[in-house]
Amino acid sequence: DDDREGGRKAESHHDDRPLVIAHRGASGYRPEHTLAAYELGARMGADYVEPDLVSTKDGVLVARHENEISGTTDVADHPEFADRRRTKTIDGVTLTGWFTEDFTLAELKTLRARERIPELRQENTIYDGRYQVPTLQEVIDLTRRLSRELDREIGIYPETKHPTYFREIGLPLEPPLVATLRRNGLDGRRDKVFVQSFETFNLKELDEKIDTPLVQLFGGAAQRPVGETRTYGELAADAGLREISRYADGVGPSKDYIVPRDAAGNSLPPTDFVRRAHRAGLLVHPY
């Protein structure tokens, strides 16, 4: 039962056991957002793999941490794409590099993935150049193969990246996401899928189109979601959580909302965030 006024129904196949989510795949062992990283994450025991989704020029959803790909692919080594280098402002941040929305899927497939943080993940660099940029459909196909091989269902946990920006340039993420989920029979509440976003308006739009469980991600307490007048900290108050429960099934806070740290990085006593989110009928999936 759902005792939230106007809220989403909480029933689904998900139970109360903690979930293990391979964030960007097994990103400590393989370059993130590659099929190899997702596969290793599942084989290491993850219940879900988490692809960040951005769009190509021809409207195909692909998995990259950001739509600027100079740090996650070898695009700078391709002279044929030298003239694609651009300076853009994405959600208020000015970036110079190469962007997925300026490449067709066929062009992106000529690139190879690289480790995004080589100074922290030195061993991952031995895999630079081995893997392509995967599409959402390829991630779904992989999880289905692994589900058969491992004899347990591997879910997907996609995040829409910069949905307002992509909508403004004529490449909205929501229609191809909904179409892909429907085409694969993954748009119901009992399918092993969550869709998450740091923005609010696109989750509200998705709430009208699919029954897939939705998760509102939280950035820093003083930050504002794109298009919002309130901060994440205000959304984390009781009134904000009640409002979120009307369009989403869960919240994805950074762990600082649950176990804050002092200026030296030492853990402080836990907050009551989890209890208050549960009281609002929301799942809590911290990162």
Protein backbone atom coordinates (compact mmCIF):
# COMPACT_ATOMS: atom_id res chain seq x y z
CA ASP A 1 0.00 0.00 0.00
CA ASP A 2 1.00 3.61 -0.56
CA ASP A 3 0.05 6.07 2.15
CA ARG A 4 1.57 9.05 0.33
CA GLU A 5 -0.97 11.50 -0.97
CA GLY A 6 -0.59 11.54 -4.74
CA GLY A 7 2.52 9.38 -4.46
CA ARG A 8 3.84 6.65 -6.72
CA LYS A 9 3.01 3.11 -5.80
CA ALA A 10 5.90 1.60 -3.90
CA GLU A 11 5.24 -2.02 -4.80
CA SER A 12 7.74 -3.65 -7.14
CA HIS A 13 9.86 -6.78 -7.22
CA HIS A 14 12.48 -5.03 -5.06
CA ASP A 15 12.70 -6.25 -1.46
CA ASP A 16 14.31 -4.77 1.64
CA ARG A 17 17.75 -6.31 1.18
CA PRO A 18 20.58 -3.90 0.37
CA LEU A 19 21.37 -3.65 -3.32
CA VAL A 20 24.86 -3.69 -4.81
CA ILE A 21 25.15 -1.29 -7.73
CA ALA A 22 28.23 -1.33 -9.96
CA HIS A 23 28.65 2.44 -10.35
CA ARG A 24 29.86 2.95 -13.94
CA GLY A 25 30.68 -0.75 -13.85
CA ALA A 26 33.65 -2.15 -11.94
CA SER A 27 35.37 1.19 -12.49
CA GLY A 28 38.22 0.40 -10.13
CA TYR A 29 39.26 -2.50 -12.37
CA ARG A 30 38.38 -1.53 -15.95
CA PRO A 31 37.85 1.84 -17.68
CA GLU A 32 34.40 3.02 -16.59
CA HIS A 33 31.34 2.81 -18.80
CA THR A 34 32.66 0.01 -20.97
CA LEU A 35 31.01 -3.36 -21.47
CA ALA A 36 34.07 -4.91 -19.84
CA ALA A 37 33.54 -2.81 -16.70
CA TYR A 38 29.85 -3.66 -16.54
CA GLU A 39 30.50 -7.36 -17.04
CA LEU A 40 33.18 -7.50 -14.36
CA GLY A 41 30.92 -5.62 -11.95
CA ALA A 42 28.18 -8.19 -12.45
CA ARG A 43 30.58 -11.11 -12.12
CA MET A 44 31.90 -9.60 -8.87
CA GLY A 45 28.39 -9.76 -7.43
CA ALA A 46 26.60 -6.55 -8.38
CA ASP A 47 22.81 -6.64 -8.66
CA TYR A 48 22.76 -3.69 -11.09
CA VAL A 49 25.12 -1.97 -13.48
CA GLU A 50 24.90 1.81 -13.76
CA PRO A 51 25.39 3.52 -17.14
CA ASP A 52 25.40 7.31 -17.44
CA LEU A 53 23.50 8.21 -20.60
CA VAL A 54 24.21 10.95 -23.13
CA SER A 55 23.12 11.34 -26.75
CA THR A 56 24.86 11.07 -30.09
CA LYS A 57 24.17 13.45 -32.97
CA ASP A 58 21.73 10.92 -34.41
CA GLY A 59 19.82 10.50 -31.14
CA VAL A 60 21.28 7.22 -29.85
CA LEU A 61 21.86 6.88 -26.11
CA VAL A 62 25.43 5.90 -25.24
CA ALA A 63 27.21 5.35 -21.93
CA ARG A 64 29.73 8.04 -20.98
CA HIS A 65 30.37 9.83 -17.69
CA GLU A 66 29.92 13.13 -19.52
CA ASN A 67 29.09 14.22 -23.04
CA GLU A 68 32.58 15.80 -23.21
CA ILE A 69 34.76 12.82 -24.11
CA SER A 70 38.34 14.03 -24.41
CA GLY A 71 39.15 12.42 -21.06
CA THR A 72 37.36 9.12 -21.63
CA THR A 73 38.22 8.32 -25.26
CA ASP A 74 41.12 8.67 -27.69
CA VAL A 75 39.23 11.25 -29.75
CA ALA A 76 42.16 13.71 -29.57
CA ASP A 77 44.29 11.17 -31.42
CA HIS A 78 41.95 11.16 -34.43
CA PRO A 79 42.98 13.89 -36.87
CA GLU A 80 39.77 13.40 -38.83
CA PHE A 81 37.88 14.81 -35.84
CA ALA A 82 40.19 17.71 -35.03
CA ASP A 83 37.67 20.22 -36.35
CA ARG A 84 34.98 18.90 -33.98
CA ARG A 85 36.73 20.45 -30.96
CA ARG A 86 34.38 22.99 -29.42
CA THR A 87 33.92 25.24 -26.39
CA LYS A 88 30.46 24.88 -24.85
CA THR A 89 28.64 25.80 -21.68
CA ILE A 90 26.93 22.79 -20.08
CA ASP A 91 24.70 23.54 -17.10
CA GLY A 92 26.66 26.72 -16.40
CA VAL A 93 30.13 25.14 -16.77
CA THR A 94 32.30 26.12 -19.75
CA LEU A 95 34.21 23.21 -21.28
CA THR A 96 36.48 22.80 -24.28
CA GLY A 97 36.77 19.43 -25.96
CA TRP A 98 34.81 16.95 -28.02
CA PHE A 99 31.14 16.26 -27.33
CA THR A 100 29.03 13.19 -28.08
CA GLU A 101 26.26 15.27 -29.63
CA ASP A 102 28.64 16.27 -32.43
CA PHE A 103 29.27 12.65 -33.48
CA THR A 104 27.05 10.05 -35.08
CA LEU A 105 27.02 6.64 -33.44
CA ALA A 106 29.07 5.24 -36.32
CA GLU A 107 31.72 7.90 -35.74
CA LEU A 108 31.79 7.29 -31.98
CA LYS A 109 32.30 3.59 -32.61
CA THR A 110 35.64 4.38 -34.25
CA LEU A 111 36.90 5.73 -30.92
CA ARG A 112 38.25 3.69 -28.02
CA ALA A 113 37.75 4.19 -24.31
CA ARG A 114 40.43 5.44 -21.95
CA GLU A 115 40.73 5.56 -18.18
CA ARG A 116 39.25 8.85 -16.97
CA ILE A 117 41.33 9.20 -13.79
CA PRO A 118 44.72 7.62 -14.59
CA GLU A 119 46.40 9.22 -11.59
CA LEU A 120 44.08 7.27 -9.27
CA ARG A 121 43.46 4.13 -11.35
CA GLN A 122 46.88 3.50 -12.82
CA GLU A 123 46.29 -0.19 -13.54
CA ASN A 124 43.20 0.61 -15.60
CA THR A 125 45.39 2.33 -18.17
CA ILE A 126 46.62 -1.04 -19.45
CA TYR A 127 43.13 -1.43 -20.93
CA ASP A 128 43.18 1.91 -22.76
CA GLY A 129 42.28 1.49 -26.40
CA ARG A 130 40.58 -1.89 -26.07
CA TYR A 131 36.92 -1.02 -25.74
CA GLN A 132 34.28 0.89 -27.68
CA VAL A 133 31.71 3.35 -26.36
CA PRO A 134 28.64 1.17 -25.68
CA THR A 135 25.03 2.00 -26.44
CA LEU A 136 22.24 1.56 -23.91
CA GLN A 137 20.93 -1.32 -26.02
CA GLU A 138 24.31 -3.04 -25.84
CA VAL A 139 24.29 -2.68 -22.05
CA ILE A 140 20.84 -4.26 -21.89
CA ASP A 141 21.95 -7.10 -24.18
CA LEU A 142 24.98 -7.68 -21.96
CA THR A 143 22.95 -7.85 -18.75
CA ARG A 144 20.58 -10.36 -20.33
CA ARG A 145 23.46 -12.57 -21.41
CA LEU A 146 25.04 -12.34 -17.98
CA SER A 147 21.72 -13.07 -16.29
CA ARG A 148 21.59 -16.36 -18.18
CA GLU A 149 25.23 -17.23 -17.52
CA LEU A 150 25.18 -16.31 -13.83
CA ASP A 151 21.67 -17.67 -13.21
CA ARG A 152 20.58 -14.46 -11.48
CA GLU A 153 19.01 -11.33 -12.88
CA ILE A 154 21.35 -8.40 -13.50
CA GLY A 155 19.51 -5.10 -13.61
CA ILE A 156 20.31 -1.74 -15.16
CA TYR A 157 20.35 1.58 -13.31
CA PRO A 158 20.74 4.31 -15.96
CA GLU A 159 21.30 7.97 -15.15
CA THR A 160 20.25 10.68 -17.57
CA LYS A 161 23.09 13.21 -17.85
CA HIS A 162 22.30 16.89 -18.49
CA PRO A 163 18.74 16.26 -19.72
CA THR A 164 17.83 19.96 -19.86
CA TYR A 165 20.89 20.74 -21.97
CA PHE A 166 20.13 17.91 -24.38
CA ARG A 167 16.51 18.98 -24.66
CA GLU A 168 17.58 22.53 -25.47
CA ILE A 169 19.80 21.38 -28.35
CA GLY A 170 17.04 19.24 -29.82
CA LEU A 171 18.26 15.85 -28.56
CA PRO A 172 16.04 15.09 -25.55
CA LEU A 173 17.09 11.97 -23.67
CA GLU A 174 13.66 10.90 -22.47
CA PRO A 175 12.04 9.73 -25.77
CA PRO A 176 14.86 7.33 -26.77
CA LEU A 177 15.15 6.12 -23.17
CA VAL A 178 11.44 5.35 -22.95
CA ALA A 179 11.48 3.75 -26.41
CA THR A 180 14.45 1.54 -25.54
CA LEU A 181 12.95 0.40 -22.25
CA ARG A 182 9.62 -0.37 -23.93
CA ARG A 183 11.23 -2.17 -26.83
CA ASN A 184 12.99 -4.42 -24.34
CA GLY A 185 9.97 -4.90 -22.08
CA LEU A 186 11.64 -2.99 -19.24
CA ASP A 187 9.14 -0.21 -18.54
CA GLY A 188 7.22 -1.84 -15.69
CA ARG A 189 7.52 -1.58 -11.93
CA ARG A 190 8.60 -5.18 -11.52
CA ASP A 191 11.38 -5.03 -14.07
CA LYS A 192 14.88 -4.84 -12.65
CA VAL A 193 15.43 -1.22 -13.66
CA PHE A 194 15.79 2.11 -11.89
CA VAL A 195 16.16 5.42 -13.72
CA GLN A 196 17.93 8.24 -11.88
CA SER A 197 18.73 11.90 -12.43
CA PHE A 198 20.09 14.93 -10.59
CA GLU A 199 17.39 17.01 -12.29
CA THR A 200 13.74 17.06 -11.25
CA PHE A 201 11.72 18.06 -14.31
CA ASN A 202 12.80 15.14 -16.46
CA LEU A 203 11.91 12.67 -13.70
CA LYS A 204 8.47 14.25 -13.49
CA GLU A 205 8.15 13.83 -17.26
CA LEU A 206 9.24 10.19 -17.06
CA ASP A 207 6.72 9.61 -14.26
CA GLU A 208 3.99 10.40 -16.79
CA LYS A 209 5.34 7.99 -19.40
CA ILE A 210 6.68 4.84 -17.72
CA ASP A 211 6.11 2.87 -14.54
CA THR A 212 9.83 2.21 -14.07
CA PRO A 213 10.99 3.12 -10.53
CA LEU A 214 12.61 6.57 -10.50
CA VAL A 215 15.31 7.92 -8.18
CA GLN A 216 15.99 11.58 -7.43
CA LEU A 217 19.73 12.11 -7.05
CA PHE A 218 21.01 14.75 -4.63
CA GLY A 219 24.06 16.90 -5.24
CA GLY A 220 25.64 19.12 -2.61
CA ALA A 221 23.20 20.66 -0.14
CA ALA A 222 23.91 24.20 -1.36
CA GLN A 223 23.59 23.31 -5.06
CA ARG A 224 20.40 23.68 -7.08
CA PRO A 225 19.09 21.18 -9.62
CA VAL A 226 18.99 22.67 -13.12
CA GLY A 227 15.80 24.70 -13.47
CA GLU A 228 14.98 24.58 -9.75
CA THR A 229 14.73 27.49 -7.33
CA ARG A 230 15.32 25.25 -4.32
CA THR A 231 18.59 23.67 -3.27
CA TYR A 232 19.16 19.96 -2.76
CA GLY A 233 19.34 20.73 0.93
CA GLU A 234 15.83 22.15 0.81
CA LEU A 235 14.63 19.11 -1.15
CA ALA A 236 16.13 16.94 1.62
CA ALA A 237 13.82 18.54 4.19
CA ASP A 238 10.57 16.78 5.03
CA ALA A 239 8.44 18.88 2.68
CA GLY A 240 10.87 18.30 -0.18
CA LEU A 241 10.95 14.56 0.41
CA ARG A 242 7.16 14.41 0.42
CA GLU A 243 7.08 16.24 -2.91
CA ILE A 244 9.70 13.92 -4.39
CA SER A 245 7.59 10.93 -3.35
CA ARG A 246 4.86 12.12 -5.71
CA TYR A 247 6.99 11.52 -8.80
CA ALA A 248 9.84 9.26 -7.68
CA ASP A 249 10.30 6.05 -5.71
CA GLY A 250 13.64 6.77 -4.11
CA VAL A 251 16.40 9.24 -3.44
CA GLY A 252 20.10 8.93 -4.17
CA PRO A 253 21.97 11.16 -1.72
CA SER A 254 25.70 11.41 -1.37
CA LYS A 255 26.76 9.66 1.81
CA ASP A 256 27.36 13.05 3.47
CA TYR A 257 23.60 13.42 3.86
CA ILE A 258 23.66 10.27 6.00
CA VAL A 259 27.07 10.31 7.70
CA PRO A 260 28.44 13.87 7.50
CA ARG A 261 32.11 14.71 7.91
CA ASP A 262 33.92 17.52 9.68
CA ALA A 263 36.46 19.84 8.05
CA ALA A 264 39.19 17.23 8.58
CA GLY A 265 37.16 14.52 6.86
CA ASN A 266 36.28 12.64 10.04
CA SER A 267 32.86 11.01 10.23
CA LEU A 268 30.28 12.67 12.43
CA PRO A 269 27.21 11.02 14.04
CA PRO A 270 24.62 9.82 11.48
CA THR A 271 21.74 12.10 10.59
CA ASP A 272 18.06 11.21 10.49
CA PHE A 273 17.92 11.47 6.67
CA VAL A 274 17.26 7.77 6.05
CA ARG A 275 14.48 7.63 8.63
CA ARG A 276 12.82 10.74 7.22
CA ALA A 277 13.10 9.51 3.61
CA HIS A 278 11.60 6.16 4.59
CA ARG A 279 8.81 7.97 6.42
CA ALA A 280 8.05 9.74 3.13
CA GLY A 281 7.85 6.31 1.46
CA LEU A 282 11.14 6.62 -0.41
CA LEU A 283 13.90 4.11 -0.97
CA VAL A 284 17.41 5.36 -0.15
CA HIS A 285 20.27 4.48 -2.51
CA PRO A 286 23.30 6.49 -1.34
CA TYR A 287 26.49 6.99 -3.31
